[in-house]
PDB file of all heavy atoms in Angstrom:
ATOM      1  N   ILE A   1     186.777  19.315  44.828  1.00  0.00           N
ATOM      2  CA  ILE A   1     188.153  19.426  45.312  1.00  0.00           C
ATOM      3  C   ILE A   1     188.408  20.876  45.747  1.00  0.00           C
ATOM      4  O   ILE A   1     187.895  21.820  45.152  1.00  0.00           O
ATOM      5  CB  ILE A   1     189.152  19.004  44.201  1.00  0.00           C
ATOM      6  CG1 ILE A   1     190.574  18.938  44.751  1.00  0.00           C
ATOM      7  CG2 ILE A   1     189.084  19.913  42.983  1.00  0.00           C
ATOM      8  CD1 ILE A   1     191.560  18.306  43.753  1.00  0.00           C
ATOM      9  N   SER A   2     189.179  21.018  46.815  1.00  0.00           N
ATOM     10  CA  SER A   2     189.532  22.329  47.299  1.00  0.00           C
ATOM     11  C   SER A   2     190.943  22.295  47.851  1.00  0.00           C
ATOM     12  O   SER A   2     191.454  21.208  48.183  1.00  0.00           O
ATOM     13  CB  SER A   2     188.537  22.802  48.364  1.00  0.00           C
ATOM     14  OG  SER A   2     188.555  21.906  49.483  1.00  0.00           O
ATOM     15  N   ARG A   3     191.526  23.466  47.960  1.00  0.00           N
ATOM     16  CA  ARG A   3     192.891  23.530  48.517  1.00  0.00           C
ATOM     17  C   ARG A   3     193.004  24.655  49.516  1.00  0.00           C
ATOM     18  O   ARG A   3     192.298  25.679  49.395  1.00  0.00           O
ATOM     19  CB  ARG A   3     193.928  23.723  47.399  1.00  0.00           C
ATOM     20  CG  ARG A   3     193.813  25.027  46.623  1.00  0.00           C
ATOM     21  CD  ARG A   3     194.684  25.010  45.341  1.00  0.00           C
ATOM     22  NE  ARG A   3     196.075  24.816  45.627  1.00  0.00           N
ATOM     23  CZ  ARG A   3     196.957  24.388  44.736  1.00  0.00           C
ATOM     24  NH1 ARG A   3     196.598  24.058  43.528  1.00  0.00           N
ATOM     25  NH2 ARG A   3     198.232  24.249  45.069  1.00  0.00           N
ATOM     26  N   ASP A   4     193.856  24.475  50.501  1.00  0.00           N
ATOM     27  CA  ASP A   4     194.151  25.507  51.483  1.00  0.00           C
ATOM     28  C   ASP A   4     195.661  25.674  51.463  1.00  0.00           C
ATOM     29  O   ASP A   4     196.386  24.906  52.106  1.00  0.00           O
ATOM     30  CB  ASP A   4     193.629  25.089  52.864  1.00  0.00           C
ATOM     31  CG  ASP A   4     193.758  26.202  53.890  1.00  0.00           C
ATOM     32  OD1 ASP A   4     194.678  27.028  53.755  1.00  0.00           O
ATOM     33  OD2 ASP A   4     192.957  26.235  54.825  1.00  0.00           O
ATOM     34  N   ASN A   5     196.123  26.678  50.735  1.00  0.00           N
ATOM     35  CA  ASN A   5     197.547  26.840  50.590  1.00  0.00           C
ATOM     36  C   ASN A   5     198.235  27.222  51.916  1.00  0.00           C
ATOM     37  O   ASN A   5     199.379  26.900  52.138  1.00  0.00           O
ATOM     38  CB  ASN A   5     197.847  27.903  49.533  1.00  0.00           C
ATOM     39  CG  ASN A   5     197.493  27.427  48.115  1.00  0.00           C
ATOM     40  OD1 ASN A   5     197.519  26.206  47.837  1.00  0.00           O
ATOM     41  ND2 ASN A   5     197.127  28.364  47.272  1.00  0.00           N
ATOM     42  N   ALA A   6     197.509  27.905  52.764  1.00  0.00           N
ATOM     43  CA  ALA A   6     198.069  28.271  54.055  1.00  0.00           C
ATOM     44  C   ALA A   6     198.345  27.050  54.917  1.00  0.00           C
ATOM     45  O   ALA A   6     199.334  26.992  55.673  1.00  0.00           O
ATOM     46  CB  ALA A   6     197.131  29.238  54.788  1.00  0.00           C
ATOM     47  N   LYS A   7     197.463  26.045  54.794  1.00  0.00           N
ATOM     48  CA  LYS A   7     197.630  24.817  55.570  1.00  0.00           C
ATOM     49  C   LYS A   7     198.398  23.748  54.805  1.00  0.00           C
ATOM     50  O   LYS A   7     198.706  22.702  55.351  1.00  0.00           O
ATOM     51  CB  LYS A   7     196.279  24.270  55.986  1.00  0.00           C
ATOM     52  CG  LYS A   7     195.519  25.155  56.965  1.00  0.00           C
ATOM     53  CD  LYS A   7     194.192  24.516  57.367  1.00  0.00           C
ATOM     54  CE  LYS A   7     193.430  25.391  58.371  1.00  0.00           C
ATOM     55  NZ  LYS A   7     192.119  24.779  58.741  1.00  0.00           N
ATOM     56  N   ASN A   8     198.648  24.013  53.511  1.00  0.00           N
ATOM     57  CA  ASN A   8     199.333  23.035  52.657  1.00  0.00           C
ATOM     58  C   ASN A   8     198.551  21.752  52.526  1.00  0.00           C
ATOM     59  O   ASN A   8     199.087  20.642  52.602  1.00  0.00           O
ATOM     60  CB  ASN A   8     200.753  22.742  53.187  1.00  0.00           C
ATOM     61  CG  ASN A   8     201.820  22.979  52.130  1.00  0.00           C
ATOM     62  OD1 ASN A   8     201.677  23.856  51.281  1.00  0.00           O
ATOM     63  ND2 ASN A   8     202.897  22.241  52.198  1.00  0.00           N
ATOM     64  N   THR A   9     197.232  21.885  52.330  1.00  0.00           N
ATOM     65  CA  THR A   9     196.365  20.742  52.243  1.00  0.00           C
ATOM     66  C   THR A   9     195.453  20.814  51.018  1.00  0.00           C
ATOM     67  O   THR A   9     195.163  21.921  50.497  1.00  0.00           O
ATOM     68  CB  THR A   9     195.470  20.589  53.485  1.00  0.00           C
ATOM     69  OG1 THR A   9     194.685  21.765  53.652  1.00  0.00           O
ATOM     70  CG2 THR A   9     196.303  20.368  54.740  1.00  0.00           C
ATOM     71  N   VAL A  10     195.030  19.657  50.597  1.00  0.00           N
ATOM     72  CA  VAL A  10     194.036  19.547  49.515  1.00  0.00           C
ATOM     73  C   VAL A  10     192.968  18.549  49.966  1.00  0.00           C
ATOM     74  O   VAL A  10     193.329  17.461  50.445  1.00  0.00           O
ATOM     75  CB  VAL A  10     194.663  19.049  48.201  1.00  0.00           C
ATOM     76  CG1 VAL A  10     193.604  18.882  47.125  1.00  0.00           C
ATOM     77  CG2 VAL A  10     195.711  20.044  47.723  1.00  0.00           C
ATOM     78  N   ASP A  11     191.727  18.917  49.822  1.00  0.00           N
ATOM     79  CA  ASP A  11     190.627  18.066  50.288  1.00  0.00           C
ATOM     80  C   ASP A  11     189.795  17.612  49.090  1.00  0.00           C
ATOM     81  O   ASP A  11     189.727  18.265  48.047  1.00  0.00           O
ATOM     82  CB  ASP A  11     189.734  18.817  51.265  1.00  0.00           C
ATOM     83  CG  ASP A  11     190.391  19.035  52.606  1.00  0.00           C
ATOM     84  OD1 ASP A  11     191.502  18.511  52.833  1.00  0.00           O
ATOM     85  OD2 ASP A  11     189.762  19.714  53.455  1.00  0.00           O
ATOM     86  N   LEU A  12     189.134  16.501  49.277  1.00  0.00           N
ATOM     87  CA  LEU A  12     188.159  16.001  48.312  1.00  0.00           C
ATOM     88  C   LEU A  12     186.863  15.663  49.056  1.00  0.00           C
ATOM     89  O   LEU A  12     186.837  14.725  49.854  1.00  0.00           O
ATOM     90  CB  LEU A  12     188.684  14.761  47.611  1.00  0.00           C
ATOM     91  CG  LEU A  12     187.780  14.212  46.504  1.00  0.00           C
ATOM     92  CD1 LEU A  12     187.753  15.161  45.284  1.00  0.00           C
ATOM     93  CD2 LEU A  12     188.251  12.820  46.048  1.00  0.00           C
ATOM     94  N   GLN A  13     185.840  16.451  48.811  1.00  0.00           N
ATOM     95  CA  GLN A  13     184.519  16.210  49.387  1.00  0.00           C
ATOM     96  C   GLN A  13     183.773  15.290  48.440  1.00  0.00           C
ATOM     97  O   GLN A  13     183.556  15.649  47.288  1.00  0.00           O
ATOM     98  CB  GLN A  13     183.755  17.516  49.598  1.00  0.00           C
ATOM     99  CG  GLN A  13     182.350  17.307  50.142  1.00  0.00           C
ATOM    100  CD  GLN A  13     182.322  16.733  51.549  1.00  0.00           C
ATOM    101  OE1 GLN A  13     183.122  17.134  52.400  1.00  0.00           O
ATOM    102  NE2 GLN A  13     181.428  15.808  51.793  1.00  0.00           N
ATOM    103  N   MET A  14     183.324  14.150  48.919  1.00  0.00           N
ATOM    104  CA  MET A  14     182.654  13.164  48.107  1.00  0.00           C
ATOM    105  C   MET A  14     181.219  12.948  48.631  1.00  0.00           C
ATOM    106  O   MET A  14     181.066  12.527  49.768  1.00  0.00           O
ATOM    107  CB  MET A  14     183.424  11.836  48.135  1.00  0.00           C
ATOM    108  CG  MET A  14     184.889  11.991  47.742  1.00  0.00           C
ATOM    109  SD  MET A  14     185.733  10.387  47.614  1.00  0.00           S
ATOM    110  CE  MET A  14     185.668   9.859  49.337  1.00  0.00           C
ATOM    111  N   ASN A  15     180.266  13.286  47.792  1.00  0.00           N
ATOM    112  CA  ASN A  15     178.863  13.186  48.150  1.00  0.00           C
ATOM    113  C   ASN A  15     178.179  12.154  47.246  1.00  0.00           C
ATOM    114  O   ASN A  15     178.667  11.831  46.177  1.00  0.00           O
ATOM    115  CB  ASN A  15     178.166  14.526  48.018  1.00  0.00           C
ATOM    116  CG  ASN A  15     178.758  15.568  48.937  1.00  0.00           C
ATOM    117  OD1 ASN A  15     179.157  15.266  50.066  1.00  0.00           O
ATOM    118  ND2 ASN A  15     178.793  16.821  48.463  1.00  0.00           N
ATOM    119  N   ARG A  16     177.013  11.672  47.716  1.00  0.00           N
ATOM    120  CA  ARG A  16     176.223  10.696  46.953  1.00  0.00           C
ATOM    121  C   ARG A  16     177.098   9.561  46.471  1.00  0.00           C
ATOM    122  O   ARG A  16     177.066   9.173  45.290  1.00  0.00           O
ATOM    123  CB  ARG A  16     175.532  11.380  45.785  1.00  0.00           C
ATOM    124  CG  ARG A  16     174.653  12.539  46.224  1.00  0.00           C
ATOM    125  CD  ARG A  16     173.584  12.934  45.215  1.00  0.00           C
ATOM    126  NE  ARG A  16     174.092  13.123  43.885  1.00  0.00           N
ATOM    127  CZ  ARG A  16     174.555  14.270  43.409  1.00  0.00           C
ATOM    128  NH1 ARG A  16     174.630  15.323  44.205  1.00  0.00           N
ATOM    129  NH2 ARG A  16     174.956  14.364  42.141  1.00  0.00           N
ATOM    130  N   LEU A  17     177.852   8.997  47.398  1.00  0.00           N
ATOM    131  CA  LEU A  17     178.761   7.915  47.048  1.00  0.00           C
ATOM    132  C   LEU A  17     178.021   6.652  46.638  1.00  0.00           C
ATOM    133  O   LEU A  17     176.941   6.348  47.179  1.00  0.00           O
ATOM    134  CB  LEU A  17     179.686   7.607  48.233  1.00  0.00           C
ATOM    135  CG  LEU A  17     180.820   8.627  48.429  1.00  0.00           C
ATOM    136  CD1 LEU A  17     181.372   8.556  49.822  1.00  0.00           C
ATOM    137  CD2 LEU A  17     181.933   8.400  47.415  1.00  0.00           C
ATOM    138  N   GLN A  18     178.602   5.958  45.676  1.00  0.00           N
ATOM    139  CA  GLN A  18     178.016   4.732  45.131  1.00  0.00           C
ATOM    140  C   GLN A  18     179.007   3.611  45.229  1.00  0.00           C
ATOM    141  O   GLN A  18     180.226   3.855  45.355  1.00  0.00           O
ATOM    142  CB  GLN A  18     177.597   4.945  43.683  1.00  0.00           C
ATOM    143  CG  GLN A  18     176.567   6.030  43.502  1.00  0.00           C
ATOM    144  CD  GLN A  18     175.296   5.750  44.256  1.00  0.00           C
ATOM    145  OE1 GLN A  18     174.798   4.616  44.301  1.00  0.00           O
ATOM    146  NE2 GLN A  18     174.744   6.776  44.917  1.00  0.00           N
ATOM    147  N   PRO A  19     178.571   2.360  45.191  1.00  0.00           N
ATOM    148  CA  PRO A  19     179.515   1.210  45.295  1.00  0.00           C
ATOM    149  C   PRO A  19     180.655   1.297  44.283  1.00  0.00           C
ATOM    150  O   PRO A  19     181.779   0.889  44.571  1.00  0.00           O
ATOM    151  CB  PRO A  19     178.624   0.018  45.064  1.00  0.00           C
ATOM    152  CG  PRO A  19     177.287   0.442  45.579  1.00  0.00           C
ATOM    153  CD  PRO A  19     177.162   1.913  45.219  1.00  0.00           C
ATOM    154  N   GLU A  20     180.369   1.869  43.115  1.00  0.00           N
ATOM    155  CA  GLU A  20     181.425   1.944  42.103  1.00  0.00           C
ATOM    156  C   GLU A  20     182.494   2.984  42.417  1.00  0.00           C
ATOM    157  O   GLU A  20     183.493   3.094  41.716  1.00  0.00           O
ATOM    158  CB  GLU A  20     180.823   2.230  40.702  1.00  0.00           C
ATOM    159  CG  GLU A  20     179.900   3.424  40.637  1.00  0.00           C
ATOM    160  CD  GLU A  20     178.427   3.043  40.848  1.00  0.00           C
ATOM    161  OE1 GLU A  20     178.147   2.076  41.601  1.00  0.00           O
ATOM    162  OE2 GLU A  20     177.564   3.728  40.256  1.00  0.00           O
ATOM    163  N   ASP A  21     182.290   3.749  43.473  1.00  0.00           N
ATOM    164  CA  ASP A  21     183.301   4.688  43.958  1.00  0.00           C
ATOM    165  C   ASP A  21     184.306   4.001  44.858  1.00  0.00           C
ATOM    166  O   ASP A  21     185.289   4.621  45.260  1.00  0.00           O
ATOM    167  CB  ASP A  21     182.683   5.848  44.690  1.00  0.00           C
ATOM    168  CG  ASP A  21     181.810   6.720  43.799  1.00  0.00           C
ATOM    169  OD1 ASP A  21     182.246   7.045  42.678  1.00  0.00           O
ATOM    170  OD2 ASP A  21     180.690   7.090  44.230  1.00  0.00           O
ATOM    171  N   THR A  22     184.062   2.740  45.187  1.00  0.00           N
ATOM    172  CA  THR A  22     185.012   1.968  46.002  1.00  0.00           C
ATOM    173  C   THR A  22     186.345   1.902  45.308  1.00  0.00           C
ATOM    174  O   THR A  22     186.433   1.440  44.173  1.00  0.00           O
ATOM    175  CB  THR A  22     184.454   0.572  46.267  1.00  0.00           C
ATOM    176  OG1 THR A  22     183.277   0.669  47.069  1.00  0.00           O
ATOM    177  CG2 THR A  22     185.480  -0.282  46.985  1.00  0.00           C
ATOM    178  N   ALA A  23     187.382   2.321  46.009  1.00  0.00           N
ATOM    179  CA  ALA A  23     188.718   2.417  45.417  1.00  0.00           C
ATOM    180  C   ALA A  23     189.731   2.836  46.459  1.00  0.00           C
ATOM    181  O   ALA A  23     189.362   3.289  47.554  1.00  0.00           O
ATOM    182  CB  ALA A  23     188.723   3.414  44.258  1.00  0.00           C
ATOM    183  N   VAL A  24     190.980   2.738  46.077  1.00  0.00           N
ATOM    184  CA  VAL A  24     192.040   3.398  46.835  1.00  0.00           C
ATOM    185  C   VAL A  24     192.225   4.781  46.209  1.00  0.00           C
ATOM    186  O   VAL A  24     192.416   4.881  44.998  1.00  0.00           O
ATOM    187  CB  VAL A  24     193.352   2.609  46.806  1.00  0.00           C
ATOM    188  CG1 VAL A  24     194.443   3.375  47.577  1.00  0.00           C
ATOM    189  CG2 VAL A  24     193.141   1.227  47.417  1.00  0.00           C
ATOM    190  N   TYR A  25     192.137   5.794  47.027  1.00  0.00           N
ATOM    191  CA  TYR A  25     192.252   7.165  46.544  1.00  0.00           C
ATOM    192  C   TYR A  25     193.639   7.708  46.881  1.00  0.00           C
ATOM    193  O   TYR A  25     194.135   7.582  48.032  1.00  0.00           O
ATOM    194  CB  TYR A  25     191.176   8.030  47.191  1.00  0.00           C
ATOM    195  CG  TYR A  25     189.811   7.799  46.574  1.00  0.00           C
ATOM    196  CD1 TYR A  25     189.115   6.628  46.840  1.00  0.00           C
ATOM    197  CD2 TYR A  25     189.254   8.742  45.730  1.00  0.00           C
ATOM    198  CE1 TYR A  25     187.881   6.388  46.248  1.00  0.00           C
ATOM    199  CE2 TYR A  25     187.993   8.512  45.146  1.00  0.00           C
ATOM    200  CZ  TYR A  25     187.325   7.332  45.407  1.00  0.00           C
ATOM    201  OH  TYR A  25     186.105   7.091  44.832  1.00  0.00           O
ATOM    202  N   TYR A  26     194.260   8.306  45.869  1.00  0.00           N
ATOM    203  CA  TYR A  26     195.628   8.804  45.981  1.00  0.00           C
ATOM    204  C   TYR A  26     195.681  10.312  45.771  1.00  0.00           C
ATOM    205  O   TYR A  26     195.080  10.839  44.849  1.00  0.00           O
ATOM    206  CB  TYR A  26     196.544   8.150  44.911  1.00  0.00           C
ATOM    207  CG  TYR A  26     196.688   6.681  45.051  1.00  0.00           C
ATOM    208  CD1 TYR A  26     195.836   5.812  44.396  1.00  0.00           C
ATOM    209  CD2 TYR A  26     197.701   6.138  45.839  1.00  0.00           C
ATOM    210  CE1 TYR A  26     195.972   4.439  44.493  1.00  0.00           C
ATOM    211  CE2 TYR A  26     197.862   4.766  45.950  1.00  0.00           C
ATOM    212  CZ  TYR A  26     196.982   3.919  45.278  1.00  0.00           C
ATOM    213  OH  TYR A  26     197.136   2.556  45.376  1.00  0.00           O
ATOM    214  N   CYS A  27     196.426  10.943  46.616  1.00  0.00           N
ATOM    215  CA  CYS A  27     196.714  12.388  46.436  1.00  0.00           C
ATOM    216  C   CYS A  27     197.873  12.538  45.471  1.00  0.00           C
ATOM    217  O   CYS A  27     198.814  11.701  45.474  1.00  0.00           O
ATOM    218  CB  CYS A  27     197.070  13.002  47.786  1.00  0.00           C
ATOM    219  SG  CYS A  27     197.374  14.752  47.744  1.00  0.00           S
ATOM    220  N   TYR A  28     197.815  13.582  44.658  1.00  0.00           N
ATOM    221  CA  TYR A  28     198.841  13.771  43.629  1.00  0.00           C
ATOM    222  C   TYR A  28     199.260  15.255  43.636  1.00  0.00           C
ATOM    223  O   TYR A  28     198.446  16.161  43.850  1.00  0.00           O
ATOM    224  CB  TYR A  28     198.225  13.436  42.257  1.00  0.00           C
ATOM    225  CG  TYR A  28     199.073  13.813  41.078  1.00  0.00           C
ATOM    226  CD1 TYR A  28     200.135  12.983  40.694  1.00  0.00           C
ATOM    227  CD2 TYR A  28     198.816  14.957  40.336  1.00  0.00           C
ATOM    228  CE1 TYR A  28     200.903  13.316  39.583  1.00  0.00           C
ATOM    229  CE2 TYR A  28     199.596  15.292  39.249  1.00  0.00           C
ATOM    230  CZ  TYR A  28     200.622  14.451  38.861  1.00  0.00           C
ATOM    231  OH  TYR A  28     201.399  14.775  37.781  1.00  0.00           O
ATOM    232  N   CYS A  29     200.557  15.447  43.392  1.00  0.00           N
ATOM    233  CA  CYS A  29     201.106  16.781  43.262  1.00  0.00           C
ATOM    234  C   CYS A  29     202.057  16.815  42.086  1.00  0.00           C
ATOM    235  O   CYS A  29     202.917  15.937  41.957  1.00  0.00           O
ATOM    236  CB  CYS A  29     201.844  17.166  44.541  1.00  0.00           C
ATOM    237  SG  CYS A  29     202.770  18.729  44.428  1.00  0.00           S
TER     238      CYS A  29
END
């Protein structure tokens, strides 16, 4: 996870994804 406060964004880099990672992903503040 990373954030860019100047852009007001938060990213999630997901590597080596597996079938069990299948989901709806929600951003939270």
